[in-house]
């Protein structure tokens, strides 16, 4: 959003300052690969992936075409929630390696002209964190106010779960999700004056928590990471119905970063770009929950990108336009193929329709995010017992399938020692087989990434205009553009030929899967299971 756009929307000077925040240049062309470290590649035979395994596979990621990495939490943890329950923010989890190993990973990433974001979990810790153990003590100390505690064991914090009865301290501690994840105290935007335990954002405890958050970021940025994907970024300040307090908190962080680490990238798990961008984030994730209708595309009873022609893209488009306008018509909304919290893309989208889905994902604004294994069509592993708080998500976190050697090349450990059981089916996809097959999903994604890189209009900040996205109708058509070119994207995941009226005249095809379109008298006829990009 430029200054004039901000002024037209009657934003304040402060809001304008943050909404026009210049992002690191490398984000303009970033294509991310998400690594769930425990399931990526194991080099020491313990059944769990590690930093050295990631280093060994960096060339694979680069060859695919990705130039940036988001790595899920890698800090010390009891792993009750796969590392989203941190016990030491300054220490790499020993099962992955040492701090020196992590620093070397940063260096190896940079040698390849790539970037890496760490997953930052600012809203809660593990109950095993030393801060929390100190906060449980009855005598007041430096960590008494590090977490959200009530004054009485009999009082629960309204609207939040709690931990209580586990220490001599009189009070109940709020949790953010699982009962072993106590909520860190950043204050209440609207504290109840009758509840003295509800501290304001300006009280000493919340301010100390915020400063410690900056220290954590400073530590890892100094070591060499390129920024952070921030977990639950919109949840920090409590009783904050319009997120004004949380926005103000992140603006404070943005001022710190602009001063000390101006090239550090910040991408939020928030799902409300008007708020996250005002807070100083560079990009915002489109969430799989909430009102985005993202699941209408890939993960519902009748996904739009399935072949049965029963899906609906219109509600997704309506909500996307709303958020896109809030983001100032810039490419700041990231759409992932999936992640560690979702069903695998291939659970509901099959065969060549996966290629159509990626033709969409790699032609939308915002930075694309490819979840490890989605590029080869890894499947959701059904019927698994929960591992480290995964529950229904566990089937999407199985080990990467590299080749046809034991354990699909993931680990030399006995199969029973693997972090999560593998897909046992004989026809499971592997990197080895897909790299050797010119018609594989992997090769199609590699082609799509190359095309995106060669056309600025298709990249992260190119604009989008929806041309044909009618309710319960196919195809799905939109225009990507920049100052140099306009590219019409036509997608037909359905299993029959369809047509639509179009005012744009396709001049040059730059990508096609599934045949070619027929243009006659302003009408475009599109083959079944088709994706195409055309310069107009």
Protein backbone atom coordinates (compact mmCIF):
# COMPACT_ATOMS: atom_id res chain seq x y z
CA UNK A 1 0.00 0.00 0.00
CA UNK A 2 1.51 3.34 -0.99
CA UNK A 3 1.05 6.63 0.84
CA UNK A 4 -1.85 7.82 -1.33
CA UNK A 5 -3.74 4.57 -0.84
CA UNK A 6 -3.32 4.85 2.91
CA UNK A 7 -4.52 8.44 2.89
CA UNK A 8 -7.55 7.49 0.80
CA UNK A 9 -8.49 4.94 3.43
CA UNK A 10 -8.28 7.63 6.15
CA UNK A 11 -5.53 5.81 8.01
CA UNK A 12 -3.67 7.70 10.71
CA UNK A 13 -0.05 8.77 10.25
CA UNK A 14 1.03 5.94 12.55
CA UNK A 15 -1.02 3.37 10.61
CA UNK A 16 0.34 4.70 7.32
CA UNK A 17 3.90 4.34 8.59
CA UNK A 18 3.43 0.63 9.21
CA UNK A 19 1.22 -0.24 6.22
CA UNK A 20 3.86 1.23 3.85
CA UNK A 21 6.68 -0.63 5.60
CA UNK A 22 9.27 -1.73 3.04
CA UNK A 23 9.84 -5.46 3.13
CA UNK A 24 13.21 -7.13 2.54
CA UNK A 25 13.81 -7.30 -1.20
CA UNK A 26 14.34 -11.06 -1.19
CA UNK A 27 10.73 -11.60 -0.08
CA UNK A 28 9.51 -10.29 -3.45
CA UNK A 29 10.67 -13.50 -5.14
CA UNK A 30 10.62 -15.90 -2.19
CA UNK A 31 9.26 -19.42 -2.70
CA UNK A 32 9.29 -21.21 0.64
CA UNK A 33 9.80 -24.85 1.49
CA UNK A 34 8.47 -25.83 4.92
CA UNK A 35 10.61 -28.32 6.82
CA UNK A 36 9.24 -30.28 9.75
CA UNK A 37 12.73 -31.12 11.06
CA UNK A 38 11.94 -34.31 12.94
CA UNK A 39 10.56 -35.94 9.79
CA UNK A 40 12.87 -34.63 7.06
CA UNK A 41 16.17 -36.53 7.06
CA UNK A 42 17.96 -38.46 9.83
CA UNK A 43 21.76 -38.65 9.64
CA UNK A 44 22.58 -40.30 12.99
CA UNK A 45 20.21 -43.27 12.90
CA UNK A 46 18.03 -42.36 15.88
CA UNK A 47 14.82 -42.24 13.84
CA UNK A 48 14.47 -38.45 14.11
CA UNK A 49 15.49 -35.88 11.51
CA UNK A 50 18.25 -33.41 12.34
CA UNK A 51 20.05 -30.24 11.27
CA UNK A 52 22.77 -32.13 9.42
CA UNK A 53 20.07 -33.93 7.46
CA UNK A 54 18.60 -30.61 6.38
CA UNK A 55 22.07 -29.42 5.33
CA UNK A 56 22.53 -32.52 3.19
CA UNK A 57 19.25 -31.86 1.38
CA UNK A 58 19.62 -28.12 0.72
CA UNK A 59 20.70 -28.73 -2.86
CA UNK A 60 17.53 -30.77 -3.42
CA UNK A 61 15.39 -27.86 -2.19
CA UNK A 62 17.29 -25.41 -4.37
CA UNK A 63 17.03 -27.67 -7.43
CA UNK A 64 13.26 -27.84 -6.98
CA UNK A 65 13.29 -24.06 -7.26
CA UNK A 66 12.61 -22.98 -3.69
CA UNK A 67 14.87 -20.21 -2.41
CA UNK A 68 13.65 -19.90 1.18
CA UNK A 69 12.93 -22.22 4.10
CA UNK A 70 10.50 -22.11 6.98
CA UNK A 71 11.67 -24.55 9.63
CA UNK A 72 9.21 -25.60 12.33
CA UNK A 73 10.27 -25.10 15.98
CA UNK A 74 13.78 -26.34 16.68
CA UNK A 75 14.34 -25.10 20.24
CA UNK A 76 14.74 -27.22 23.37
CA UNK A 77 11.41 -28.75 24.33
CA UNK A 78 9.83 -31.75 26.04
CA UNK A 79 7.95 -32.13 22.74
CA UNK A 80 4.48 -32.42 24.16
CA UNK A 81 3.38 -30.38 21.12
CA UNK A 82 6.07 -31.16 18.54
CA UNK A 83 8.30 -28.32 19.76
CA UNK A 84 5.60 -25.67 20.06
CA UNK A 85 6.12 -26.07 23.81
CA UNK A 86 9.52 -24.43 24.30
CA UNK A 87 11.64 -25.04 27.40
CA UNK A 88 14.61 -22.89 26.32
CA UNK A 89 14.38 -20.30 23.55
CA UNK A 90 18.16 -19.92 23.41
CA UNK A 91 19.07 -23.58 22.94
CA UNK A 92 18.64 -25.78 19.88
CA UNK A 93 16.84 -29.04 20.66
CA UNK A 94 19.65 -31.57 21.28
CA UNK A 95 17.90 -34.21 19.19
CA UNK A 96 18.42 -31.99 16.14
CA UNK A 97 21.93 -30.84 16.97
CA UNK A 98 23.72 -27.99 18.69
CA UNK A 99 23.57 -24.22 18.40
CA UNK A 100 26.75 -24.47 16.33
CA UNK A 101 25.04 -26.92 13.99
CA UNK A 102 22.14 -24.51 13.59
CA UNK A 103 24.52 -21.65 12.88
CA UNK A 104 26.20 -23.82 10.25
CA UNK A 105 22.79 -24.52 8.72
CA UNK A 106 22.20 -20.77 8.39
CA UNK A 107 25.59 -20.43 6.69
CA UNK A 108 24.94 -23.31 4.28
CA UNK A 109 21.57 -21.81 3.35
CA UNK A 110 23.18 -18.46 2.62
CA UNK A 111 25.96 -20.04 0.53
CA UNK A 112 23.18 -21.12 -1.85
CA UNK A 113 21.62 -17.64 -2.02
CA UNK A 114 18.68 -18.90 0.03
CA UNK A 115 17.06 -17.62 3.22
CA UNK A 116 15.67 -19.29 6.32
CA UNK A 117 12.96 -18.36 8.82
CA UNK A 118 12.74 -19.90 12.27
CA UNK A 119 9.36 -20.68 13.79
CA UNK A 120 8.90 -18.34 16.76
CA UNK A 121 6.38 -19.25 19.46
CA UNK A 122 5.93 -16.05 21.50
CA UNK A 123 2.61 -16.75 23.21
CA UNK A 124 3.41 -19.63 25.55
CA UNK A 125 6.13 -21.96 26.78
CA UNK A 126 6.31 -25.47 28.16
CA UNK A 127 5.54 -26.05 31.83
CA UNK A 128 9.16 -27.26 31.97
CA UNK A 129 10.56 -23.85 31.10
CA UNK A 130 12.64 -22.44 33.99
CA UNK A 131 10.59 -19.24 33.78
CA UNK A 132 7.42 -21.14 34.58
CA UNK A 133 9.03 -23.10 37.41
CA UNK A 134 10.10 -19.82 39.00
CA UNK A 135 6.67 -18.28 38.44
CA UNK A 136 5.05 -21.13 40.41
CA UNK A 137 6.88 -20.18 43.60
CA UNK A 138 4.84 -18.51 46.33
CA UNK A 139 7.53 -15.90 47.05
CA UNK A 140 7.57 -13.00 44.58
CA UNK A 141 10.48 -13.10 42.13
CA UNK A 142 11.54 -11.84 38.70
CA UNK A 143 9.23 -14.35 36.96
CA UNK A 144 6.12 -14.02 39.13
CA UNK A 145 4.46 -11.93 36.41
CA UNK A 146 5.96 -13.67 33.36
CA UNK A 147 2.73 -15.66 32.89
CA UNK A 148 -0.99 -14.88 33.25
CA UNK A 149 -1.92 -15.95 36.77
CA UNK A 150 -5.13 -15.23 38.68
CA UNK A 151 -4.95 -14.30 42.36
CA UNK A 152 -6.92 -17.30 43.58
CA UNK A 153 -6.77 -21.00 42.93
CA UNK A 154 -10.57 -20.89 42.75
CA UNK A 155 -10.68 -18.39 39.90
CA UNK A 156 -10.22 -19.40 36.30
CA UNK A 157 -9.15 -16.81 33.70
CA UNK A 158 -12.33 -16.25 31.69
CA UNK A 159 -12.23 -17.55 28.14
CA UNK A 160 -8.98 -19.46 28.65
CA UNK A 161 -8.13 -22.87 29.99
CA UNK A 162 -5.86 -23.03 32.99
CA UNK A 163 -3.35 -24.96 35.09
CA UNK A 164 -3.91 -24.99 38.84
CA UNK A 165 -3.17 -26.94 41.96
CA UNK A 166 0.38 -27.79 40.92
CA UNK A 167 2.37 -25.48 43.20
CA UNK A 168 2.29 -23.50 46.42
CA UNK A 169 1.40 -20.33 44.57
CA UNK A 170 -2.23 -19.33 45.07
CA UNK A 171 -3.70 -18.84 41.63
CA UNK A 172 -4.57 -20.43 38.31
CA UNK A 173 -2.35 -19.97 35.25
CA UNK A 174 -3.94 -19.41 31.85
CA UNK A 175 -2.97 -21.70 28.99
CA UNK A 176 -3.00 -20.99 25.27
CA UNK A 177 -4.00 -24.43 24.02
CA UNK A 178 -2.74 -27.67 25.56
CA UNK A 179 -2.75 -27.79 29.35
CA UNK A 180 1.06 -27.89 29.39
CA UNK A 181 1.39 -24.55 27.50
CA UNK A 182 1.11 -21.68 30.02
CA UNK A 183 0.35 -18.31 28.45
CA UNK A 184 3.05 -15.68 28.61
CA UNK A 185 1.97 -12.33 30.02
CA UNK A 186 1.91 -9.41 27.57
CA UNK A 187 -0.87 -7.71 29.50
CA UNK A 188 -4.59 -7.07 28.95
CA UNK A 189 -5.76 -4.39 26.56
CA UNK A 190 -8.92 -3.92 28.63
CA UNK A 191 -8.07 -5.15 32.14
CA UNK A 192 -10.94 -5.54 34.56
CA UNK A 193 -10.27 -3.05 37.40
CA UNK A 194 -11.84 -5.49 39.86
CA UNK A 195 -9.35 -8.20 38.94
CA UNK A 196 -5.96 -6.90 39.98
CA UNK A 197 -4.20 -9.88 38.39
CA UNK A 198 -5.20 -8.58 34.95
CA UNK A 199 -2.21 -6.37 34.30
CA UNK A 200 -2.11 -3.64 31.68
CA UNK A 201 0.32 -3.72 28.78
CA UNK A 202 2.36 -1.01 30.52
CA UNK A 203 2.85 -2.91 33.78
CA UNK A 204 6.34 -4.16 34.62
CA UNK A 205 5.58 -7.85 34.06
CA UNK A 206 4.21 -7.54 30.50
CA UNK A 207 6.94 -5.07 29.53
CA UNK A 208 9.60 -7.50 30.76
CA UNK A 209 8.04 -10.30 28.69
CA UNK A 210 8.10 -8.09 25.59
CA UNK A 211 11.75 -7.17 26.12
CA UNK A 212 12.63 -10.84 26.52
CA UNK A 213 10.89 -11.57 23.22
CA UNK A 214 13.15 -9.01 21.56
CA UNK A 215 16.19 -10.61 23.21
CA UNK A 216 15.23 -13.99 21.75
CA UNK A 217 14.83 -12.52 18.29
CA UNK A 218 18.10 -10.60 18.64
CA UNK A 219 19.95 -13.79 19.65
CA UNK A 220 18.94 -15.80 16.57
CA UNK A 221 19.13 -12.93 14.08
CA UNK A 222 22.66 -12.21 15.28
CA UNK A 223 23.49 -15.88 14.77
CA UNK A 224 22.31 -15.66 11.17
CA UNK A 225 18.66 -16.53 10.65
CA UNK A 226 16.75 -14.28 8.23
CA UNK A 227 13.62 -13.73 10.28
CA UNK A 228 10.65 -15.55 11.74
CA UNK A 229 7.33 -17.12 10.98
CA UNK A 230 5.40 -16.18 14.11
CA UNK A 231 3.01 -18.71 15.63
CA UNK A 232 -0.39 -17.41 16.80
CA UNK A 233 0.81 -13.84 16.25
CA UNK A 234 -2.60 -12.30 16.91
CA UNK A 235 -3.10 -13.87 20.33
CA UNK A 236 -0.57 -12.20 22.62
CA UNK A 237 -2.45 -9.39 24.37
CA UNK A 238 -5.50 -10.66 26.25
CA UNK A 239 -9.00 -9.11 26.28
CA UNK A 240 -8.11 -7.36 23.04
CA UNK A 241 -11.29 -7.68 20.92
CA UNK A 242 -10.13 -5.50 18.03
CA UNK A 243 -6.44 -6.52 18.30
CA UNK A 244 -5.43 -2.92 18.97
CA UNK A 245 -3.14 -3.90 21.83
CA UNK A 246 -1.53 -6.76 19.92
CA UNK A 247 -1.00 -4.50 16.89
CA UNK A 248 0.67 -1.94 19.13
CA UNK A 249 2.90 -4.64 20.64
CA UNK A 250 4.10 -5.79 17.21
CA UNK A 251 4.65 -2.19 16.13
CA UNK A 252 7.01 -1.95 19.09
CA UNK A 253 8.82 -5.05 17.83
CA UNK A 254 8.93 -3.62 14.30
CA UNK A 255 10.63 -0.45 15.60
CA UNK A 256 13.26 -2.64 17.29
CA UNK A 257 13.82 -4.68 14.12
CA UNK A 258 13.98 -1.65 11.84
CA UNK A 259 16.68 -0.22 14.07
CA UNK A 260 18.80 -3.31 14.60
CA UNK A 261 17.84 -5.84 11.88
CA UNK A 262 16.17 -3.98 8.99
CA UNK A 263 16.48 -6.98 6.64
CA UNK A 264 14.75 -9.41 9.00
CA UNK A 265 11.56 -10.87 7.52
CA UNK A 266 8.41 -11.34 9.59
CA UNK A 267 5.52 -13.53 8.43
CA UNK A 268 2.54 -13.97 10.73
CA UNK A 269 0.14 -16.76 11.49
CA UNK A 270 -2.73 -14.34 12.00
CA UNK A 271 -5.17 -14.59 9.07
CA UNK A 272 -6.18 -10.92 9.22
CA UNK A 273 -3.77 -9.02 6.96
CA UNK A 274 -5.19 -5.60 7.75
CA UNK A 275 -4.13 -6.16 11.37
CA UNK A 276 -0.90 -8.06 10.89
CA UNK A 277 0.45 -5.62 8.28
CA UNK A 278 -0.42 -2.64 10.46
CA UNK A 279 1.50 -4.40 13.20
CA UNK A 280 4.60 -4.44 11.02
CA UNK A 281 4.56 -7.94 9.55
CA UNK A 282 5.60 -8.28 5.93
CA UNK A 283 3.19 -11.07 5.01
CA UNK A 284 0.32 -12.99 6.54
CA UNK A 285 -0.70 -16.63 6.18
CA UNK A 286 -4.08 -17.59 4.82
CA UNK A 287 -5.28 -19.90 7.59
CA UNK A 288 -6.99 -23.25 7.17
CA UNK A 289 -9.45 -22.31 9.90
CA UNK A 290 -11.66 -19.26 10.28
CA UNK A 291 -13.53 -17.46 7.50
CA UNK A 292 -11.03 -17.73 4.62
CA UNK A 293 -12.79 -20.65 2.82
CA UNK A 294 -9.29 -21.95 2.03
CA UNK A 295 -10.53 -25.46 2.85
CA UNK A 296 -13.17 -25.13 0.11
CA UNK A 297 -10.32 -25.57 -2.35
CA UNK A 298 -8.55 -28.62 -0.99
CA UNK A 299 -9.94 -30.03 2.26
CA UNK A 300 -13.70 -30.47 2.43
CA UNK A 301 -16.27 -33.00 1.29
CA UNK A 302 -16.15 -31.65 -2.28
CA UNK A 303 -12.92 -29.70 -2.82
CA UNK A 304 -12.87 -27.34 -5.79
CA UNK A 305 -9.63 -28.87 -7.08
CA UNK A 306 -11.01 -32.41 -7.08
CA UNK A 307 -12.26 -33.75 -10.41
CA UNK A 308 -15.92 -34.41 -9.58
CA UNK A 309 -17.11 -30.88 -10.49
CA UNK A 310 -18.93 -30.42 -7.19
CA UNK A 311 -16.72 -27.75 -5.66
CA UNK A 312 -17.27 -24.04 -5.22
CA UNK A 313 -14.52 -21.41 -5.46
CA UNK A 314 -16.74 -18.32 -5.15
CA UNK A 315 -16.73 -17.93 -1.35
CA UNK A 316 -12.95 -18.28 -1.26
CA UNK A 317 -12.63 -15.56 -3.92
CA UNK A 318 -15.04 -13.22 -2.12
CA UNK A 319 -13.06 -13.48 1.11
CA UNK A 320 -9.74 -13.27 -0.68
CA UNK A 321 -10.80 -10.03 -2.40
CA UNK A 322 -11.85 -8.59 0.95
CA UNK A 323 -8.45 -9.40 2.49
CA UNK A 324 -6.59 -8.34 -0.65
CA UNK A 325 -8.19 -4.91 -0.52
CA UNK A 326 -7.30 -4.63 3.16
CA UNK A 327 -3.71 -5.48 2.25
CA UNK A 328 -3.63 -2.55 -0.18
CA UNK A 329 -3.88 -4.72 -3.32
CA UNK A 330 -0.37 -6.04 -2.78
CA UNK A 331 0.86 -9.62 -2.77
CA UNK A 332 1.04 -10.06 0.96
CA UNK A 333 -1.24 -13.05 1.57
CA UNK A 334 0.55 -16.40 1.59
CA UNK A 335 -1.30 -19.56 0.52
CA UNK A 336 0.45 -22.80 1.57
CA UNK A 337 0.08 -26.19 -0.12
CA UNK A 338 -0.39 -27.45 3.41
CA UNK A 339 1.50 -27.56 6.66
CA UNK A 340 2.03 -29.62 9.81
CA UNK A 341 -1.48 -28.71 11.06
CA UNK A 342 -3.46 -29.78 7.96
CA UNK A 343 -4.34 -32.96 6.12
CA UNK A 344 -1.92 -33.69 3.31
CA UNK A 345 -2.98 -32.11 0.02
CA UNK A 346 -3.04 -35.58 -1.57
CA UNK A 347 -5.64 -36.87 0.90
CA UNK A 348 -8.45 -35.26 -1.09
CA UNK A 349 -6.81 -34.17 -4.35
CA UNK A 350 -5.69 -37.06 -6.55
CA UNK A 351 -3.58 -37.72 -9.64
CA UNK A 352 -3.23 -34.95 -12.21
CA UNK A 353 -5.50 -32.70 -10.16
CA UNK A 354 -2.53 -32.17 -7.85
CA UNK A 355 -0.77 -30.53 -10.80
CA UNK A 356 -3.77 -28.25 -11.35
CA UNK A 357 -3.73 -27.36 -7.64
CA UNK A 358 -0.06 -26.37 -7.84
CA UNK A 359 -0.70 -24.38 -11.02
CA UNK A 360 -3.00 -22.34 -8.76
CA UNK A 361 -0.70 -22.19 -5.73
CA UNK A 362 2.28 -21.09 -7.82
CA UNK A 363 0.41 -18.39 -9.71
CA UNK A 364 -1.16 -16.51 -6.80
CA UNK A 365 0.19 -13.37 -5.08
CA UNK A 366 2.11 -13.66 -1.84
CA UNK A 367 4.95 -16.06 -1.14
CA UNK A 368 4.07 -19.69 -1.96
CA UNK A 369 4.79 -22.26 0.76
CA UNK A 370 5.36 -25.90 -0.19
CA UNK A 371 5.07 -28.34 2.70
CA UNK A 372 7.81 -30.97 2.57
CA UNK A 373 6.68 -33.99 0.56
CA UNK A 374 3.75 -32.23 -1.09
CA UNK A 375 5.95 -31.79 -4.16
CA UNK A 376 5.95 -35.58 -4.65
CA UNK A 377 2.32 -36.11 -3.59
CA UNK A 378 3.05 -37.69 -0.21
CA UNK A 379 -0.15 -39.08 1.26
CA UNK A 380 -1.77 -38.68 4.64
CA UNK A 381 -0.95 -41.82 6.63
CA UNK A 382 -4.22 -43.11 8.03
CA UNK A 383 -4.87 -44.66 11.43
CA UNK A 384 -1.78 -43.50 13.33
CA UNK A 385 -1.63 -43.13 17.09
CA UNK A 386 -0.91 -39.54 18.08
CA UNK A 387 2.77 -38.62 18.30
CA UNK A 388 3.92 -35.58 20.31
CA UNK A 389 0.56 -33.86 20.37
CA UNK A 390 -0.19 -34.47 16.70
CA UNK A 391 -3.52 -36.31 17.13
CA UNK A 392 -5.33 -36.06 13.78
CA UNK A 393 -2.39 -34.13 12.35
CA UNK A 394 0.04 -37.01 12.87
CA UNK A 395 -0.72 -38.56 9.47
CA UNK A 396 0.58 -35.40 7.78
CA UNK A 397 3.91 -35.51 9.63
CA UNK A 398 5.30 -38.86 8.47
CA UNK A 399 8.94 -39.16 7.33
CA UNK A 400 10.01 -37.77 3.98
CA UNK A 401 10.15 -40.43 1.29
CA UNK A 402 13.49 -40.08 -0.47
CA UNK A 403 14.04 -43.39 -2.26
CA UNK A 404 13.31 -47.12 -2.33
CA UNK A 405 15.86 -48.14 0.29
CA UNK A 406 14.71 -49.19 3.80
CA UNK A 407 12.61 -46.53 5.56
CA UNK A 408 12.31 -44.75 2.20
CA UNK A 409 15.84 -43.43 2.72
CA UNK A 410 14.78 -41.30 5.69
CA UNK A 411 16.75 -43.12 8.40
CA UNK A 412 18.92 -46.17 9.06
CA UNK A 413 17.13 -46.76 12.36
CA UNK A 414 14.93 -49.84 12.83
CA UNK A 415 11.43 -49.09 11.50
CA UNK A 416 9.93 -49.26 14.98
CA UNK A 417 12.20 -46.40 16.12
CA UNK A 418 11.10 -43.91 13.48
CA UNK A 419 9.62 -40.68 14.82
CA UNK A 420 6.34 -41.47 13.03
CA UNK A 421 5.60 -44.62 10.97
CA UNK A 422 6.04 -44.37 7.22
CA UNK A 423 3.46 -44.75 4.50
CA UNK A 424 3.68 -48.55 4.15
CA UNK A 425 2.09 -48.85 0.71
CA UNK A 426 4.21 -50.27 -2.09
CA UNK A 427 3.29 -47.44 -4.44
CA UNK A 428 4.29 -44.65 -2.09
CA UNK A 429 5.84 -41.77 -4.05
CA UNK A 430 9.55 -41.04 -3.61
CA UNK A 431 11.88 -38.25 -4.65
CA UNK A 432 14.01 -40.79 -6.51
CA UNK A 433 11.19 -42.07 -8.71
CA UNK A 434 9.63 -38.67 -9.33
CA UNK A 435 12.91 -37.03 -10.33
CA UNK A 436 13.37 -39.80 -12.90
CA UNK A 437 9.88 -39.35 -14.38
CA UNK A 438 9.48 -36.36 -16.70
CA UNK A 439 5.69 -36.47 -16.21
CA UNK A 440 5.73 -36.57 -12.40
CA UNK A 441 4.23 -34.05 -10.00
CA UNK A 442 7.74 -33.07 -8.89
CA UNK A 443 8.76 -32.21 -12.45
CA UNK A 444 5.54 -30.24 -13.03
CA UNK A 445 6.11 -28.19 -9.90
CA UNK A 446 9.69 -27.55 -10.94
CA UNK A 447 8.42 -26.22 -14.31
CA UNK A 448 5.80 -24.05 -12.61
CA UNK A 449 8.37 -22.52 -10.26
CA UNK A 450 10.67 -21.75 -13.18
CA UNK A 451 7.84 -19.99 -15.04
CA UNK A 452 6.93 -17.98 -11.93
CA UNK A 453 10.55 -16.86 -11.55
CA UNK A 454 10.69 -15.75 -15.20
CA UNK A 455 7.53 -13.64 -15.06
CA UNK A 456 7.36 -10.84 -12.51
CA UNK A 457 3.57 -10.58 -12.94
CA UNK A 458 3.26 -14.08 -11.43
CA UNK A 459 5.48 -13.31 -8.47
CA UNK A 460 4.67 -12.30 -4.93
CA UNK A 461 3.76 -8.67 -5.46
CA UNK A 462 2.10 -8.86 -8.87
CA UNK A 463 -1.55 -7.78 -8.80
CA UNK A 464 -4.55 -10.04 -9.30
CA UNK A 465 -7.99 -9.53 -10.84
CA UNK A 466 -10.55 -12.33 -10.82
CA UNK A 467 -12.11 -12.86 -14.25
CA UNK A 468 -14.35 -15.91 -13.80
CA UNK A 469 -15.11 -17.40 -10.39
CA UNK A 470 -18.83 -18.14 -10.30
CA UNK A 471 -20.67 -20.12 -7.65
CA UNK A 472 -20.60 -23.90 -8.20
CA UNK A 473 -19.09 -23.35 -11.65
CA UNK A 474 -15.90 -24.15 -13.57
CA UNK A 475 -13.37 -22.93 -14.75
CA UNK A 476 -11.52 -20.60 -12.39
CA UNK A 477 -9.86 -17.68 -14.21
CA UNK A 478 -7.82 -14.70 -13.01
CA UNK A 479 -5.42 -12.11 -14.37
CA UNK A 480 -1.97 -11.51 -12.88
CA UNK A 481 -0.25 -8.27 -13.86
CA UNK A 482 2.58 -5.85 -13.27
CA UNK A 483 3.83 -2.81 -15.15
CA UNK A 484 5.28 -4.97 -17.93
CA UNK A 485 2.83 -7.77 -18.70
CA UNK A 486 -0.55 -9.35 -18.04
CA UNK A 487 -0.98 -13.10 -17.66
CA UNK A 488 -4.33 -14.89 -17.78
CA UNK A 489 -4.46 -18.02 -15.59
CA UNK A 490 -7.12 -20.59 -16.56
CA UNK A 491 -7.77 -23.59 -14.30
CA UNK A 492 -10.27 -26.38 -14.88
CA UNK A 493 -9.91 -29.17 -12.31
CA UNK A 494 -13.21 -30.78 -13.40
CA UNK A 495 -13.45 -33.94 -15.49
CA UNK A 496 -15.33 -32.34 -18.38
CA UNK A 497 -14.81 -29.60 -20.94
CA UNK A 498 -16.17 -26.18 -19.91
CA UNK A 499 -16.35 -22.71 -21.41
CA UNK A 500 -16.65 -19.06 -20.37
CA UNK A 501 -16.98 -15.63 -21.97
CA UNK A 502 -13.74 -13.66 -21.89
CA UNK A 503 -12.82 -10.12 -22.85
CA UNK A 504 -9.09 -10.91 -22.89
CA UNK A 505 -7.43 -12.31 -25.99
CA UNK A 506 -4.72 -14.89 -25.20
CA UNK A 507 -1.66 -14.01 -27.32
CA UNK A 508 1.06 -16.35 -26.12
CA UNK A 509 0.88 -19.55 -24.09
CA UNK A 510 3.66 -19.74 -21.50
CA UNK A 511 2.39 -22.83 -19.68
CA UNK A 512 -0.12 -25.55 -20.42
CA UNK A 513 -1.08 -28.83 -18.80
CA UNK A 514 -3.79 -31.03 -20.28
CA UNK A 515 -4.03 -29.67 -23.82
CA UNK A 516 -4.94 -26.20 -24.98
CA UNK A 517 -7.89 -23.82 -25.02
CA UNK A 518 -10.07 -22.92 -28.02
CA UNK A 519 -10.98 -19.25 -28.48
CA UNK A 520 -13.90 -18.27 -30.72
CA UNK A 521 -16.12 -15.15 -30.77
CA UNK A 522 -15.16 -14.09 -27.25
CA UNK A 523 -15.79 -17.55 -25.85
CA UNK A 524 -13.02 -19.71 -24.41
CA UNK A 525 -13.45 -23.48 -24.30
CA UNK A 526 -11.27 -25.24 -21.75
CA UNK A 527 -10.35 -28.97 -21.73
CA UNK A 528 -11.00 -31.19 -18.72
CA UNK A 529 -8.23 -31.32 -16.07
CA UNK A 530 -6.45 -28.31 -17.49
CA UNK A 531 -4.19 -25.49 -16.40
CA UNK A 532 -2.78 -22.76 -18.61
CA UNK A 533 -1.05 -19.38 -18.40
CA UNK A 534 -1.42 -16.95 -21.32
CA UNK A 535 0.07 -13.54 -21.97
CA UNK A 536 -2.76 -11.19 -23.03
